[in-house]
Structure formats: C-alpha cells, structure tokens
Amino acid sequence: MVRSVARKVAWVGRTASMVFGLALVLALVFGMASMAFGANGGNFILGSLNNTATAITKLTGTVGGGPALQVSNPSTTTGSRALDLQVATGKAPITVNSTSGKATNLNADKLDGKDSTTIGRELFAVVAPDGTLIRARGNPTVTHAPFSADYFVKFGSNISNCAYTATIAAPQPGGDVTAAPTADSSTVHVVTSVSVDTATDMPFHLIVAC
C-alpha cells in the first residue's frame, strides 16, 4: 500500500512539474512577443529611434511655478536643439489652447506669410534722382542706371501680395511716376518722367502696404 501511494505522489509531482513548465514557457513566449510587437503601453526607451505608438501619449502634471515637461539639450554642436517636431506636408506641427498667453522668448519670423518687419506697418523708400536711398523701412536696396528713369527697389521680404503707391518727391515740380511688380516677389519697378513720353530721373516716395 505504501508503494502504491508513493507511485501516485510521484505521478502527481511529474504532472505538476509539466504543467508549471508549460505555463512558464507560454509566459516567456507570449510575454516577449508582446514586448516586441506591442508598443502601446510599453516603456519609452531613451536613446532609441524605435519608440512607436498608435495612440496618444499624455502627461498630466500639477506642477506649481514650472513646466510639466522640460526637454534640455546643452550641446553646443551646430544643429543641436531641444525639440524637433515633424508632420506631414500641410499639417500643423503644434496646437495650443490659449489665445491670451505669451510664449516667452519665442522668435516667430513670419505670420501668415508676412515677415515680422512688415506686420502692422507700411514699408517705404524715399529715393533721390540718382538712386540714393534717403530713408526707408523694410530693408530695401535700390538699383538704378544713371539717366534711365528706371528704379528697382528691392525690399527684404516678399511683397507680392501688397499694394504699391509712388509719388514724385517735393520740391520737384510736377512729373509722373509708376510703380509695378516684377518677377522678383520682393522688388518694385519704379519709372519717373516729366511727362508721359519723357522719362527722366526724378526723386520719389514709394509706399508698400501689406
């Protein structure tokens, strides 16, 4: 009888060990598979280019007097930056929920396609008969061939969607002036004359309203 009981105990032990062994193998196989193929819910690995997800990753932090998330890159190597946002063509790289706050030290070069030097104010150029730029706004330069009556005023930004107005400068008596766009989106072609058929170098004021 003792021998029969011993055999049954041995059989139960072997069976239990096989069950536990199978459970361990399944856990290892399916656990490793989930780590390899299931990015959502997994760890974010620093220094890896293979962190992927198909759902939003959200951080909610109640941090008084400071940011909930800070990214710092103190490297002085050319091209180093703390954040790089990449999206498909035509998609916005970032959205915000506040219209009243001010982003400290944010240098926005353009707004709606306009350069920061042109937003909310007019560009202008006051030009002498010989093409000398007397005063201006918008970083213009003037190209003029002597006695040609043609002036090409090139501003430091795109003005293709702006309006141009030119007038002969005092104390020049009378005269005509025209201002027209060119193939260069930042340049205005100005022509001065004492009459419709007599082109003559003359001083003028050019105003560009954007």
C-alpha atoms as a PDB file:
ATOM      1  CA  MET A   1       0.000   0.000   0.000  1.00  0.00           C
ATOM      2  CA  VAL A   2       2.820   2.398   0.860  1.00  0.00           C
ATOM      3  CA  ARG A   3       4.418   1.620  -2.507  1.00  0.00           C
ATOM      4  CA  SER A   4       1.142   2.429  -4.339  1.00  0.00           C
ATOM      5  CA  VAL A   5       0.806   5.754  -2.529  1.00  0.00           C
ATOM      6  CA  ALA A   6       4.401   6.635  -3.403  1.00  0.00           C
ATOM      7  CA  ARG A   7       3.769   5.943  -7.093  1.00  0.00           C
ATOM      8  CA  LYS A   8       0.705   8.197  -7.082  1.00  0.00           C
ATOM      9  CA  VAL A   9       2.623  11.000  -5.374  1.00  0.00           C
ATOM     10  CA  ALA A  10       5.415  10.698  -7.938  1.00  0.00           C
ATOM     11  CA  TRP A  11       2.896  10.814 -10.799  1.00  0.00           C
ATOM     12  CA  VAL A  12       1.217  13.898  -9.366  1.00  0.00           C
ATOM     13  CA  GLY A  13       4.615  15.560  -8.959  1.00  0.00           C
ATOM     14  CA  ARG A  14       5.641  14.851 -12.532  1.00  0.00           C
ATOM     15  CA  THR A  15       2.309  16.098 -13.840  1.00  0.00           C
ATOM     16  CA  ALA A  16       2.503  19.285 -11.793  1.00  0.00           C
ATOM     17  CA  SER A  17       6.034  19.991 -12.943  1.00  0.00           C
ATOM     18  CA  MET A  18       4.987  19.556 -16.591  1.00  0.00           C
ATOM     19  CA  VAL A  19       2.050  21.955 -16.114  1.00  0.00           C
ATOM     20  CA  PHE A  20       4.202  24.563 -14.406  1.00  0.00           C
ATOM     21  CA  GLY A  21       6.892  24.140 -17.049  1.00  0.00           C
ATOM     22  CA  LEU A  22       4.393  24.619 -19.870  1.00  0.00           C
ATOM     23  CA  ALA A  23       2.954  27.684 -18.164  1.00  0.00           C
ATOM     24  CA  LEU A  24       6.428  29.171 -17.815  1.00  0.00           C
ATOM     25  CA  VAL A  25       7.243  28.567 -21.486  1.00  0.00           C
ATOM     26  CA  LEU A  26       3.956  30.145 -22.611  1.00  0.00           C
ATOM     27  CA  ALA A  27       4.526  33.138 -20.357  1.00  0.00           C
ATOM     28  CA  LEU A  28       8.005  33.682 -21.752  1.00  0.00           C
ATOM     29  CA  VAL A  29       6.928  33.275 -25.380  1.00  0.00           C
ATOM     30  CA  PHE A  30       3.831  35.447 -25.250  1.00  0.00           C
ATOM     31  CA  GLY A  31       5.357  37.933 -22.847  1.00  0.00           C
ATOM     32  CA  MET A  32       8.374  38.507 -25.096  1.00  0.00           C
ATOM     33  CA  ALA A  33       6.123  38.690 -28.138  1.00  0.00           C
ATOM     34  CA  SER A  34       4.027  41.386 -26.524  1.00  0.00           C
ATOM     35  CA  MET A  35       7.183  43.327 -25.726  1.00  0.00           C
ATOM     36  CA  ALA A  36       8.411  43.010 -29.296  1.00  0.00           C
ATOM     37  CA  PHE A  37       5.167  43.777 -31.120  1.00  0.00           C
ATOM     38  CA  GLY A  38       3.029  45.795 -28.697  1.00  0.00           C
ATOM     39  CA  ALA A  39       4.426  49.349 -28.410  1.00  0.00           C
ATOM     40  CA  ASN A  40       1.312  50.846 -26.829  1.00  0.00           C
ATOM     41  CA  GLY A  41       1.581  50.530 -23.071  1.00  0.00           C
ATOM     42  CA  GLY A  42       5.253  49.638 -23.240  1.00  0.00           C
ATOM     43  CA  ASN A  43       8.230  51.508 -21.837  1.00  0.00           C
ATOM     44  CA  PHE A  44       9.570  54.653 -23.519  1.00  0.00           C
ATOM     45  CA  ILE A  45      13.209  53.807 -24.171  1.00  0.00           C
ATOM     46  CA  LEU A  46      15.635  56.730 -24.069  1.00  0.00           C
ATOM     47  CA  GLY A  47      18.222  56.799 -26.838  1.00  0.00           C
ATOM     48  CA  SER A  48      16.095  54.606 -29.119  1.00  0.00           C
ATOM     49  CA  LEU A  49      14.744  55.558 -32.549  1.00  0.00           C
ATOM     50  CA  ASN A  50      12.209  52.731 -32.451  1.00  0.00           C
ATOM     51  CA  ASN A  51       9.679  54.012 -29.920  1.00  0.00           C
ATOM     52  CA  THR A  52       6.338  53.738 -31.726  1.00  0.00           C
ATOM     53  CA  ALA A  53       2.686  54.112 -30.806  1.00  0.00           C
ATOM     54  CA  THR A  54      -0.737  54.261 -32.457  1.00  0.00           C
ATOM     55  CA  ALA A  55      -2.428  56.081 -29.576  1.00  0.00           C
ATOM     56  CA  ILE A  56      -1.910  59.385 -27.775  1.00  0.00           C
ATOM     57  CA  THR A  57       0.714  59.502 -25.037  1.00  0.00           C
ATOM     58  CA  LYS A  58      -0.426  62.049 -22.445  1.00  0.00           C
ATOM     59  CA  LEU A  59       1.283  63.618 -19.453  1.00  0.00           C
ATOM     60  CA  THR A  60      -0.885  65.396 -16.878  1.00  0.00           C
ATOM     61  CA  GLY A  61       1.076  67.068 -14.127  1.00  0.00           C
ATOM     62  CA  THR A  62       0.118  69.601 -11.468  1.00  0.00           C
ATOM     63  CA  VAL A  63       3.406  71.454 -11.199  1.00  0.00           C
ATOM     64  CA  GLY A  64       3.283  74.812  -9.472  1.00  0.00           C
ATOM     65  CA  GLY A  65       5.553  77.518 -10.871  1.00  0.00           C
ATOM     66  CA  GLY A  66       7.155  75.412 -13.603  1.00  0.00           C
ATOM     67  CA  PRO A  67       6.566  73.270 -16.680  1.00  0.00           C
ATOM     68  CA  ALA A  68       5.061  69.789 -16.554  1.00  0.00           C
ATOM     69  CA  LEU A  69       7.638  68.662 -19.115  1.00  0.00           C
ATOM     70  CA  GLN A  70      11.108  70.052 -19.788  1.00  0.00           C
ATOM     71  CA  VAL A  71      13.477  68.993 -22.559  1.00  0.00           C
ATOM     72  CA  SER A  72      17.057  70.226 -22.301  1.00  0.00           C
ATOM     73  CA  ASN A  73      19.941  69.773 -24.743  1.00  0.00           C
ATOM     74  CA  PRO A  74      23.037  71.707 -23.595  1.00  0.00           C
ATOM     75  CA  SER A  75      25.160  70.561 -26.562  1.00  0.00           C
ATOM     76  CA  THR A  76      26.929  73.395 -28.419  1.00  0.00           C
ATOM     77  CA  THR A  77      27.334  71.359 -31.626  1.00  0.00           C
ATOM     78  CA  THR A  78      25.905  73.007 -34.756  1.00  0.00           C
ATOM     79  CA  GLY A  79      22.282  71.993 -35.302  1.00  0.00           C
ATOM     80  CA  SER A  80      21.676  70.959 -31.694  1.00  0.00           C
ATOM     81  CA  ARG A  81      18.158  71.658 -30.427  1.00  0.00           C
ATOM     82  CA  ALA A  82      15.872  70.535 -27.649  1.00  0.00           C
ATOM     83  CA  LEU A  83      12.845  69.600 -29.736  1.00  0.00           C
ATOM     84  CA  ASP A  84      12.150  68.504 -33.318  1.00  0.00           C
ATOM     85  CA  LEU A  85       8.521  68.267 -34.456  1.00  0.00           C
ATOM     86  CA  GLN A  86       7.854  66.549 -37.792  1.00  0.00           C
ATOM     87  CA  VAL A  87       4.477  66.211 -39.521  1.00  0.00           C
ATOM     88  CA  ALA A  88       3.112  65.506 -42.978  1.00  0.00           C
ATOM     89  CA  THR A  89       3.091  68.315 -45.546  1.00  0.00           C
ATOM     90  CA  GLY A  90       0.327  70.818 -44.861  1.00  0.00           C
ATOM     91  CA  LYS A  91      -0.221  69.706 -41.266  1.00  0.00           C
ATOM     92  CA  ALA A  92       0.279  71.960 -38.237  1.00  0.00           C
ATOM     93  CA  PRO A  93       3.233  70.852 -36.074  1.00  0.00           C
ATOM     94  CA  ILE A  94       1.680  72.153 -32.862  1.00  0.00           C
ATOM     95  CA  THR A  95      -1.588  73.448 -31.385  1.00  0.00           C
ATOM     96  CA  VAL A  96      -2.277  75.443 -28.209  1.00  0.00           C
ATOM     97  CA  ASN A  97      -5.421  76.060 -26.166  1.00  0.00           C
ATOM     98  CA  SER A  98      -4.655  79.630 -25.074  1.00  0.00           C
ATOM     99  CA  THR A  99      -5.008  82.857 -27.068  1.00  0.00           C
ATOM    100  CA  SER A 100      -4.043  85.229 -24.274  1.00  0.00           C
ATOM    101  CA  GLY A 101      -0.721  83.875 -23.057  1.00  0.00           C
ATOM    102  CA  LYS A 102       2.634  84.965 -24.460  1.00  0.00           C
ATOM    103  CA  ALA A 103       5.372  82.491 -25.345  1.00  0.00           C
ATOM    104  CA  THR A 104       8.495  83.842 -23.643  1.00  0.00           C
ATOM    105  CA  ASN A 105      11.482  84.339 -25.980  1.00  0.00           C
ATOM    106  CA  LEU A 106       9.620  82.822 -28.962  1.00  0.00           C
ATOM    107  CA  ASN A 107      11.037  84.372 -32.139  1.00  0.00           C
ATOM    108  CA  ALA A 108       8.384  83.991 -34.859  1.00  0.00           C
ATOM    109  CA  ASP A 109       9.898  85.187 -38.127  1.00  0.00           C
ATOM    110  CA  LYS A 110       6.709  85.017 -40.177  1.00  0.00           C
ATOM    111  CA  LEU A 111       2.952  85.250 -39.608  1.00  0.00           C
ATOM    112  CA  ASP A 112       0.526  84.359 -42.420  1.00  0.00           C
ATOM    113  CA  GLY A 113       3.417  84.504 -44.874  1.00  0.00           C
ATOM    114  CA  LYS A 114       4.472  88.008 -43.842  1.00  0.00           C
ATOM    115  CA  ASP A 115       7.873  88.883 -42.434  1.00  0.00           C
ATOM    116  CA  SER A 116       7.955  90.210 -38.884  1.00  0.00           C
ATOM    117  CA  THR A 117       9.347  93.534 -40.175  1.00  0.00           C
ATOM    118  CA  THR A 118       6.217  94.145 -42.281  1.00  0.00           C
ATOM    119  CA  ILE A 119       3.367  93.118 -39.992  1.00  0.00           C
ATOM    120  CA  GLY A 120       1.146  96.013 -38.921  1.00  0.00           C
ATOM    121  CA  ARG A 121       3.075  98.758 -40.696  1.00  0.00           C
ATOM    122  CA  GLU A 122       3.856 100.025 -44.172  1.00  0.00           C
ATOM    123  CA  LEU A 123       7.154  99.706 -45.969  1.00  0.00           C
ATOM    124  CA  PHE A 124       8.528 102.729 -47.759  1.00  0.00           C
ATOM    125  CA  ALA A 125      11.508 104.129 -49.613  1.00  0.00           C
ATOM    126  CA  VAL A 126      12.453 107.747 -50.271  1.00  0.00           C
ATOM    127  CA  VAL A 127      14.788 107.799 -53.261  1.00  0.00           C
ATOM    128  CA  ALA A 128      16.898 110.585 -54.784  1.00  0.00           C
ATOM    129  CA  PRO A 129      17.135 111.107 -58.586  1.00  0.00           C
ATOM    130  CA  ASP A 130      20.473 109.272 -58.737  1.00  0.00           C
ATOM    131  CA  GLY A 131      19.030 106.236 -56.919  1.00  0.00           C
ATOM    132  CA  THR A 132      20.416 107.073 -53.473  1.00  0.00           C
ATOM    133  CA  LEU A 133      18.223 105.743 -50.686  1.00  0.00           C
ATOM    134  CA  ILE A 134      17.474 108.681 -48.369  1.00  0.00           C
ATOM    135  CA  ARG A 135      15.364 106.868 -45.749  1.00  0.00           C
ATOM    136  CA  ALA A 136      13.342 103.691 -45.702  1.00  0.00           C
ATOM    137  CA  ARG A 137      11.626 100.916 -43.795  1.00  0.00           C
ATOM    138  CA  GLY A 138      11.747  97.257 -44.775  1.00  0.00           C
ATOM    139  CA  ASN A 139      15.466  96.968 -45.610  1.00  0.00           C
ATOM    140  CA  PRO A 140      15.219  97.998 -49.276  1.00  0.00           C
ATOM    141  CA  THR A 141      18.054  98.441 -51.755  1.00  0.00           C
ATOM    142  CA  VAL A 142      17.826 100.458 -54.978  1.00  0.00           C
ATOM    143  CA  THR A 143      19.288  99.560 -58.361  1.00  0.00           C
ATOM    144  CA  HIS A 144      19.370 102.431 -60.878  1.00  0.00           C
ATOM    145  CA  ALA A 145      21.256 103.113 -64.113  1.00  0.00           C
ATOM    146  CA  PRO A 146      22.014 106.861 -64.494  1.00  0.00           C
ATOM    147  CA  PHE A 147      19.610 108.797 -66.743  1.00  0.00           C
ATOM    148  CA  SER A 148      17.455 105.696 -67.320  1.00  0.00           C
ATOM    149  CA  ALA A 149      14.471 106.757 -65.166  1.00  0.00           C
ATOM    150  CA  ASP A 150      14.187 103.094 -64.100  1.00  0.00           C
ATOM    151  CA  TYR A 151      14.496 102.231 -60.413  1.00  0.00           C
ATOM    152  CA  PHE A 152      14.298  98.742 -58.976  1.00  0.00           C
ATOM    153  CA  VAL A 153      13.523  98.875 -55.254  1.00  0.00           C
ATOM    154  CA  LYS A 154      14.111  95.514 -53.591  1.00  0.00           C
ATOM    155  CA  PHE A 155      12.748  95.026 -50.066  1.00  0.00           C
ATOM    156  CA  GLY A 156      13.907  92.458 -47.539  1.00  0.00           C
ATOM    157  CA  SER A 157      10.707  90.370 -47.679  1.00  0.00           C
ATOM    158  CA  ASN A 158       8.038  89.034 -50.013  1.00  0.00           C
ATOM    159  CA  ILE A 159       5.709  91.877 -51.064  1.00  0.00           C
ATOM    160  CA  SER A 160       3.913  90.141 -53.946  1.00  0.00           C
ATOM    161  CA  ASN A 161       0.572  90.384 -52.106  1.00  0.00           C
ATOM    162  CA  CYS A 162       0.996  94.061 -51.215  1.00  0.00           C
ATOM    163  CA  ALA A 163      -0.132  97.334 -52.837  1.00  0.00           C
ATOM    164  CA  TYR A 164       2.337  99.924 -54.223  1.00  0.00           C
ATOM    165  CA  THR A 165       1.974 103.697 -54.322  1.00  0.00           C
ATOM    166  CA  ALA A 166       4.594 106.112 -55.665  1.00  0.00           C
ATOM    167  CA  THR A 167       4.644 109.904 -55.836  1.00  0.00           C
ATOM    168  CA  ILE A 168       7.180 112.431 -57.099  1.00  0.00           C
ATOM    169  CA  ALA A 169       9.002 113.963 -54.148  1.00  0.00           C
ATOM    170  CA  ALA A 170       8.962 117.700 -53.445  1.00  0.00           C
ATOM    171  CA  PRO A 171      10.388 120.148 -54.332  1.00  0.00           C
ATOM    172  CA  GLN A 172      10.435 118.618 -57.834  1.00  0.00           C
ATOM    173  CA  PRO A 173       7.743 120.466 -59.849  1.00  0.00           C
ATOM    174  CA  GLY A 174       5.228 118.113 -61.469  1.00  0.00           C
ATOM    175  CA  GLY A 175       6.209 114.854 -63.070  1.00  0.00           C
ATOM    176  CA  ASP A 176       4.770 111.352 -63.359  1.00  0.00           C
ATOM    177  CA  VAL A 177       5.720 108.102 -61.648  1.00  0.00           C
ATOM    178  CA  THR A 178       4.562 104.496 -61.943  1.00  0.00           C
ATOM    179  CA  ALA A 179       5.168 101.526 -59.652  1.00  0.00           C
ATOM    180  CA  ALA A 180       4.702  97.944 -60.793  1.00  0.00           C
ATOM    181  CA  PRO A 181       5.578  94.437 -59.560  1.00  0.00           C
ATOM    182  CA  THR A 182       8.382  92.391 -61.104  1.00  0.00           C
ATOM    183  CA  ALA A 183       9.184  88.706 -61.457  1.00  0.00           C
ATOM    184  CA  ASP A 184      11.084  89.068 -58.165  1.00  0.00           C
ATOM    185  CA  SER A 185       8.478  88.858 -55.373  1.00  0.00           C
ATOM    186  CA  SER A 186      10.374  91.402 -53.256  1.00  0.00           C
ATOM    187  CA  THR A 187      11.061  94.067 -55.925  1.00  0.00           C
ATOM    188  CA  VAL A 188       9.063  97.042 -57.257  1.00  0.00           C
ATOM    189  CA  HIS A 189       9.868  98.664 -60.617  1.00  0.00           C
ATOM    190  CA  VAL A 190       9.515 102.442 -60.491  1.00  0.00           C
ATOM    191  CA  VAL A 191       9.657 104.693 -63.575  1.00  0.00           C
ATOM    192  CA  THR A 192       9.758 108.508 -63.324  1.00  0.00           C
ATOM    193  CA  SER A 193       9.136 111.071 -66.060  1.00  0.00           C
ATOM    194  CA  VAL A 194       8.382 114.783 -66.557  1.00  0.00           C
ATOM    195  CA  SER A 195       5.593 113.812 -68.959  1.00  0.00           C
ATOM    196  CA  VAL A 196       4.056 110.648 -70.364  1.00  0.00           C
ATOM    197  CA  ASP A 197       6.662 110.379 -73.148  1.00  0.00           C
ATOM    198  CA  THR A 198       9.712 111.909 -71.445  1.00  0.00           C
ATOM    199  CA  ALA A 199      11.388 109.557 -68.954  1.00  0.00           C
ATOM    200  CA  THR A 200      13.661 111.480 -66.573  1.00  0.00           C
ATOM    201  CA  ASP A 201      15.447 110.686 -63.328  1.00  0.00           C
ATOM    202  CA  MET A 202      13.387 112.217 -60.519  1.00  0.00           C
ATOM    203  CA  PRO A 203      13.100 111.843 -56.729  1.00  0.00           C
ATOM    204  CA  PHE A 204      10.160 109.820 -55.462  1.00  0.00           C
ATOM    205  CA  HIS A 205       8.428 108.302 -52.450  1.00  0.00           C
ATOM    206  CA  LEU A 206       7.395 104.649 -52.651  1.00  0.00           C
ATOM    207  CA  ILE A 207       4.925 103.158 -50.166  1.00  0.00           C
ATOM    208  CA  VAL A 208       4.204  99.433 -49.946  1.00  0.00           C
ATOM    209  CA  ALA A 209       1.116  98.493 -47.938  1.00  0.00           C
ATOM    210  CA  CYS A 210       0.786  94.840 -46.881  1.00  0.00           C
END
